N, C-alpha and C. Protein backbone atom coordinates (compact mmCIF):
# COMPACT_ATOMS: atom_id res chain seq x y z
N UNK A 1 6.98 -60.04 -41.15
CA UNK A 1 7.04 -59.49 -42.49
C UNK A 1 7.09 -57.96 -42.41
N UNK A 2 7.99 -57.39 -43.17
CA UNK A 2 8.21 -55.97 -43.10
C UNK A 2 7.70 -55.27 -44.36
N UNK A 3 7.00 -54.18 -44.16
CA UNK A 3 6.46 -53.37 -45.24
C UNK A 3 7.52 -52.38 -45.72
N UNK A 4 7.75 -52.34 -47.03
CA UNK A 4 8.64 -51.36 -47.64
C UNK A 4 7.75 -50.22 -48.14
N UNK A 5 7.50 -49.27 -47.26
CA UNK A 5 6.56 -48.18 -47.55
C UNK A 5 6.98 -47.38 -48.77
N UNK A 6 8.27 -47.08 -48.91
CA UNK A 6 8.75 -46.31 -50.06
C UNK A 6 8.43 -47.02 -51.37
N UNK A 7 8.69 -48.33 -51.40
CA UNK A 7 8.42 -49.09 -52.62
C UNK A 7 6.93 -49.05 -52.95
N UNK A 8 6.08 -49.27 -51.95
CA UNK A 8 4.64 -49.28 -52.18
C UNK A 8 4.13 -47.93 -52.68
N UNK A 9 4.67 -46.85 -52.15
CA UNK A 9 4.24 -45.51 -52.59
C UNK A 9 4.62 -45.24 -54.04
N UNK A 10 5.73 -45.79 -54.49
CA UNK A 10 6.21 -45.55 -55.85
C UNK A 10 5.70 -46.58 -56.86
N UNK A 11 5.11 -47.66 -56.38
CA UNK A 11 4.72 -48.77 -57.26
C UNK A 11 3.31 -49.24 -56.97
N UNK A 12 2.34 -48.46 -57.38
CA UNK A 12 0.94 -48.83 -57.18
C UNK A 12 0.53 -49.88 -58.22
N UNK A 13 -0.30 -50.80 -57.78
CA UNK A 13 -0.88 -51.77 -58.72
C UNK A 13 -1.79 -51.00 -59.66
N UNK A 14 -1.65 -51.20 -61.00
CA UNK A 14 -2.52 -50.49 -61.93
C UNK A 14 -3.99 -50.84 -61.68
N UNK A 15 -4.87 -49.87 -61.89
CA UNK A 15 -6.30 -50.11 -61.76
C UNK A 15 -6.75 -51.03 -62.90
N UNK A 16 -7.55 -52.01 -62.59
CA UNK A 16 -8.02 -53.00 -63.56
C UNK A 16 -6.84 -53.67 -64.28
N UNK A 17 -5.85 -54.06 -63.51
CA UNK A 17 -4.62 -54.63 -64.07
C UNK A 17 -4.90 -55.92 -64.83
N UNK A 18 -4.17 -56.08 -65.93
CA UNK A 18 -4.24 -57.33 -66.69
C UNK A 18 -3.48 -58.41 -65.93
N UNK A 19 -3.62 -59.63 -66.37
CA UNK A 19 -2.89 -60.73 -65.75
C UNK A 19 -1.39 -60.46 -65.79
N UNK A 20 -0.88 -60.03 -66.94
CA UNK A 20 0.54 -59.76 -67.10
C UNK A 20 1.01 -58.64 -66.18
N UNK A 21 0.20 -57.60 -66.03
CA UNK A 21 0.55 -56.50 -65.13
C UNK A 21 0.57 -56.98 -63.68
N UNK A 22 -0.38 -57.81 -63.31
CA UNK A 22 -0.43 -58.34 -61.95
C UNK A 22 0.79 -59.21 -61.66
N UNK A 23 1.16 -60.06 -62.62
CA UNK A 23 2.34 -60.91 -62.44
C UNK A 23 3.58 -60.04 -62.26
N UNK A 24 3.76 -59.08 -63.16
CA UNK A 24 4.93 -58.21 -63.09
C UNK A 24 4.98 -57.48 -61.75
N UNK A 25 3.84 -56.91 -61.32
CA UNK A 25 3.81 -56.17 -60.06
C UNK A 25 4.17 -57.07 -58.88
N UNK A 26 3.55 -58.24 -58.84
CA UNK A 26 3.79 -59.14 -57.70
C UNK A 26 5.22 -59.67 -57.67
N UNK A 27 5.82 -59.93 -58.85
CA UNK A 27 7.21 -60.38 -58.86
C UNK A 27 8.14 -59.29 -58.36
N UNK A 28 7.92 -58.06 -58.79
CA UNK A 28 8.72 -56.93 -58.30
C UNK A 28 8.47 -56.70 -56.81
N UNK A 29 7.23 -56.83 -56.40
CA UNK A 29 6.89 -56.68 -54.98
C UNK A 29 7.64 -57.71 -54.15
N UNK A 30 7.66 -58.93 -54.62
CA UNK A 30 8.35 -60.01 -53.91
C UNK A 30 9.84 -59.71 -53.73
N UNK A 31 10.45 -59.06 -54.73
CA UNK A 31 11.87 -58.71 -54.67
C UNK A 31 12.14 -57.56 -53.71
N UNK A 32 11.15 -56.67 -53.53
CA UNK A 32 11.39 -55.41 -52.82
C UNK A 32 10.69 -55.26 -51.48
N UNK A 33 9.78 -56.15 -51.16
CA UNK A 33 8.99 -56.01 -49.94
C UNK A 33 8.59 -57.39 -49.44
N UNK A 34 8.57 -57.54 -48.14
CA UNK A 34 8.19 -58.84 -47.56
C UNK A 34 6.90 -58.76 -46.76
N UNK A 35 6.04 -57.79 -47.11
CA UNK A 35 4.82 -57.61 -46.32
C UNK A 35 3.81 -58.74 -46.52
N UNK A 36 3.86 -59.41 -47.67
CA UNK A 36 2.95 -60.53 -47.90
C UNK A 36 3.45 -61.34 -49.10
N UNK A 37 3.08 -62.61 -49.18
CA UNK A 37 3.51 -63.44 -50.31
C UNK A 37 2.64 -63.19 -51.55
N UNK A 38 3.09 -63.73 -52.67
CA UNK A 38 2.28 -63.70 -53.89
C UNK A 38 1.04 -64.55 -53.63
N UNK A 39 -0.16 -64.04 -53.97
CA UNK A 39 -1.38 -64.81 -53.70
C UNK A 39 -1.36 -66.19 -54.37
N UNK A 40 -1.84 -67.17 -53.65
CA UNK A 40 -1.86 -68.55 -54.15
C UNK A 40 -2.60 -68.67 -55.48
N UNK A 41 -3.72 -67.99 -55.61
CA UNK A 41 -4.51 -68.05 -56.84
C UNK A 41 -3.68 -67.57 -58.03
N UNK A 42 -2.93 -66.49 -57.84
CA UNK A 42 -2.09 -65.96 -58.92
C UNK A 42 -0.94 -66.92 -59.22
N UNK A 43 -0.31 -67.47 -58.20
CA UNK A 43 0.76 -68.45 -58.42
C UNK A 43 0.25 -69.65 -59.21
N UNK A 44 -0.94 -70.11 -58.87
CA UNK A 44 -1.54 -71.25 -59.57
C UNK A 44 -1.77 -70.91 -61.05
N UNK A 45 -2.33 -69.74 -61.32
CA UNK A 45 -2.58 -69.32 -62.70
C UNK A 45 -1.27 -69.14 -63.46
N UNK A 46 -0.25 -68.62 -62.81
CA UNK A 46 1.07 -68.47 -63.45
C UNK A 46 1.61 -69.84 -63.86
N UNK A 47 1.48 -70.80 -62.98
CA UNK A 47 1.96 -72.15 -63.26
C UNK A 47 1.17 -72.78 -64.41
N UNK A 48 -0.14 -72.61 -64.40
CA UNK A 48 -0.96 -73.17 -65.49
C UNK A 48 -0.56 -72.58 -66.84
N UNK A 49 -0.38 -71.29 -66.89
CA UNK A 49 -0.03 -70.64 -68.15
C UNK A 49 1.39 -71.02 -68.60
N UNK A 50 2.30 -71.18 -67.64
CA UNK A 50 3.66 -71.59 -67.97
C UNK A 50 3.64 -72.96 -68.63
N UNK A 51 2.80 -73.85 -68.12
CA UNK A 51 2.72 -75.20 -68.66
C UNK A 51 2.06 -75.25 -70.03
N UNK A 52 1.32 -74.22 -70.41
CA UNK A 52 0.67 -74.18 -71.72
C UNK A 52 1.61 -73.66 -72.81
N UNK A 53 2.70 -73.03 -72.41
CA UNK A 53 3.63 -72.47 -73.40
C UNK A 53 4.43 -73.53 -74.09
C-alpha cells in the first residue's frame, strides 16, 4: 500500500468530524491514496444507514 503524502497534507480529517464528514473524507481518501482501507466499523455504519433510507 502506497501513501499519497501530498493528498494527506492537503486533506486533513476535520477535528471531531461528524459521521458525514468521516464518510466523505474516507471515500475521497480511498480514491486518492492506498495507504489503508476504509475502517470496517465505518463501512458497517455506512451500510446500516444506507439500508434505513
